[in-house]
C-alpha atoms as a PDB file:
ATOM      1  CA  MET A   1      -9.256  -6.077   8.571  1.00  0.00           C
ATOM      2  CA  THR A   2      -8.822  -4.220   5.300  1.00  0.00           C
ATOM      3  CA  ASP A   3     -12.000  -3.086   3.605  1.00  0.00           C
ATOM      4  CA  PHE A   4     -13.002  -4.189   0.123  1.00  0.00           C
ATOM      5  CA  THR A   5     -12.217  -0.844  -1.545  1.00  0.00           C
ATOM      6  CA  THR A   6      -8.710  -0.772  -0.080  1.00  0.00           C
ATOM      7  CA  ARG A   7      -8.106  -4.359  -1.148  1.00  0.00           C
ATOM      8  CA  LEU A   8      -9.217  -3.483  -4.692  1.00  0.00           C
ATOM      9  CA  ALA A   9      -6.822  -0.525  -4.790  1.00  0.00           C
ATOM     10  CA  LYS A  10      -3.925  -2.713  -3.642  1.00  0.00           C
ATOM     11  CA  ALA A  11      -4.824  -5.415  -6.153  1.00  0.00           C
ATOM     12  CA  LYS A  12      -4.953  -2.848  -8.964  1.00  0.00           C
ATOM     13  CA  PHE A  13      -1.505  -1.554  -8.079  1.00  0.00           C
ATOM     14  CA  ARG A  14      -0.073  -5.060  -7.907  1.00  0.00           C
ATOM     15  CA  ALA A  15      -1.766  -6.011 -11.180  1.00  0.00           C
ATOM     16  CA  TRP A  16      -0.269  -3.070 -13.072  1.00  0.00           C
ATOM     17  CA  HIS A  17       3.213  -3.312 -11.527  1.00  0.00           C
ATOM     18  CA  ARG A  18       4.319  -6.865 -12.270  1.00  0.00           C
ATOM     19  CA  GLY A  19       7.710  -6.056 -13.745  1.00  0.00           C
ATOM     20  CA  THR A  20       7.175  -6.791 -17.441  1.00  0.00           C
ATOM     21  CA  ARG A  21       4.907  -5.099 -19.909  1.00  0.00           C
ATOM     22  CA  GLU A  22       3.337  -8.415 -20.932  1.00  0.00           C
ATOM     23  CA  ALA A  23       2.436  -9.310 -17.354  1.00  0.00           C
ATOM     24  CA  ASP A  24       1.176  -5.783 -16.686  1.00  0.00           C
ATOM     25  CA  TYR A  25      -1.189  -6.011 -19.654  1.00  0.00           C
ATOM     26  CA  THR A  26      -2.351  -9.482 -18.669  1.00  0.00           C
ATOM     27  CA  PHE A  27      -2.959  -8.856 -14.970  1.00  0.00           C
ATOM     28  CA  GLY A  28      -3.764  -5.154 -15.191  1.00  0.00           C
ATOM     29  CA  GLY A  29      -6.000  -5.457 -18.219  1.00  0.00           C
ATOM     30  CA  PHE A  30      -7.889  -8.305 -16.595  1.00  0.00           C
ATOM     31  CA  PHE A  31      -8.297  -6.283 -13.412  1.00  0.00           C
ATOM     32  CA  ASP A  32      -9.558  -3.217 -15.278  1.00  0.00           C
ATOM     33  CA  ARG A  33     -12.054  -5.245 -17.291  1.00  0.00           C
ATOM     34  CA  TYR A  34     -13.503  -7.431 -14.519  1.00  0.00           C
ATOM     35  CA  HIS A  35     -12.946  -5.966 -11.034  1.00  0.00           C
ATOM     36  CA  ALA A  36     -16.298  -4.154 -10.968  1.00  0.00           C
ATOM     37  CA  GLU A  37     -18.034  -7.543 -11.154  1.00  0.00           C
ATOM     38  CA  TRP A  38     -16.148  -9.094  -8.241  1.00  0.00           C
ATOM     39  CA  ASP A  39     -17.516  -9.885  -4.847  1.00  0.00           C
ATOM     40  CA  GLU A  40     -15.340 -10.964  -1.897  1.00  0.00           C
ATOM     41  CA  ALA A  41     -14.778 -14.404  -3.426  1.00  0.00           C
ATOM     42  CA  GLY A  42     -13.754 -12.918  -6.771  1.00  0.00           C
ATOM     43  CA  LEU A  43     -11.271 -10.574  -5.147  1.00  0.00           C
ATOM     44  CA  ASP A  44      -9.947 -13.419  -2.981  1.00  0.00           C
ATOM     45  CA  TRP A  45      -9.350 -15.423  -6.184  1.00  0.00           C
ATOM     46  CA  PHE A  46      -7.502 -12.547  -7.847  1.00  0.00           C
ATOM     47  CA  GLU A  47      -5.373 -11.839  -4.773  1.00  0.00           C
ATOM     48  CA  ARG A  48      -4.308 -15.498  -4.702  1.00  0.00           C
ATOM     49  CA  LEU A  49      -3.539 -15.291  -8.431  1.00  0.00           C
ATOM     50  CA  LEU A  50      -1.307 -12.273  -7.818  1.00  0.00           C
ATOM     51  CA  GLU A  51       0.813 -14.428  -5.511  1.00  0.00           C
ATOM     52  CA  ARG A  52       1.640 -16.871  -8.306  1.00  0.00           C
ATOM     53  CA  ASP A  53       4.524 -16.560 -10.759  1.00  0.00           C
ATOM     54  CA  ASP A  54       3.678 -14.387 -13.748  1.00  0.00           C
ATOM     55  CA  VAL A  55       5.005 -16.964 -16.206  1.00  0.00           C
ATOM     56  CA  ASP A  56       2.688 -19.633 -14.803  1.00  0.00           C
ATOM     57  CA  VAL A  57      -0.404 -17.419 -14.853  1.00  0.00           C
ATOM     58  CA  MET A  58       0.308 -16.209 -18.364  1.00  0.00           C
ATOM     59  CA  ALA A  59       0.700 -19.820 -19.534  1.00  0.00           C
ATOM     60  CA  TRP A  60      -2.677 -20.665 -17.978  1.00  0.00           C
ATOM     61  CA  ALA A  61      -4.254 -17.621 -19.646  1.00  0.00           C
ATOM     62  CA  MET A  62      -2.824 -18.594 -23.037  1.00  0.00           C
ATOM     63  CA  GLY A  63      -3.758 -22.241 -22.603  1.00  0.00           C
ATOM     64  CA  THR A  64      -0.203 -23.547 -22.845  1.00  0.00           C
ATOM     65  CA  ALA A  65      -0.230 -25.050 -19.342  1.00  0.00           C
ATOM     66  CA  ASP A  66      -2.861 -26.777 -17.239  1.00  0.00           C
ATOM     67  CA  VAL A  67      -4.657 -24.564 -14.760  1.00  0.00           C
ATOM     68  CA  PRO A  68      -4.463 -25.802 -11.150  1.00  0.00           C
ATOM     69  CA  ALA A  69      -7.823 -26.798  -9.689  1.00  0.00           C
ATOM     70  CA  GLU A  70      -7.862 -23.869  -7.238  1.00  0.00           C
ATOM     71  CA  PHE A  71      -7.859 -21.397 -10.154  1.00  0.00           C
ATOM     72  CA  GLN A  72     -10.255 -23.168 -12.522  1.00  0.00           C
ATOM     73  CA  GLY A  73     -13.714 -21.715 -13.071  1.00  0.00           C
ATOM     74  CA  ASN A  74     -15.441 -18.651 -14.460  1.00  0.00           C
ATOM     75  CA  HIS A  75     -12.692 -16.169 -13.587  1.00  0.00           C
ATOM     76  CA  MET A  76     -10.003 -18.213 -15.331  1.00  0.00           C
ATOM     77  CA  SER A  77     -12.297 -18.764 -18.309  1.00  0.00           C
ATOM     78  CA  ALA A  78     -12.623 -14.979 -18.590  1.00  0.00           C
ATOM     79  CA  MET A  79      -8.860 -14.574 -18.264  1.00  0.00           C
ATOM     80  CA  GLN A  80      -8.287 -17.105 -21.036  1.00  0.00           C
ATOM     81  CA  ARG A  81     -10.357 -15.052 -23.500  1.00  0.00           C
ATOM     82  CA  LEU A  82      -7.577 -12.420 -23.458  1.00  0.00           C
ATOM     83  CA  ASP A  83     -10.085  -9.904 -24.876  1.00  0.00           C
ATOM     84  CA  TYR A  84      -9.096  -7.409 -22.186  1.00  0.00           C
ATOM     85  CA  VAL A  85      -5.518  -6.957 -23.465  1.00  0.00           C
ATOM     86  CA  LYS A  86      -5.410  -3.749 -25.481  1.00  0.00           C
ATOM     87  CA  ILE A  87      -2.220  -3.279 -27.414  1.00  0.00           C
END
């Protein structure tokens, strides 16, 4: 089983290498701002989020699409603030 630190490192890489600058800022910026607060459940949530299509997640973050029940909660509320995107 992969340890928490290794999982965080993999999640950071995946967050900052999405394929578009917009997605990198959304996922990567969110990771940088919040990862230090995550426990196992928080990292599990983010890893599941990384598996979803960027367009869907960005629509949820911007409030232009309904967030599926499995992603609703405090983490998505933080993502929807978009205060972590530094341009």
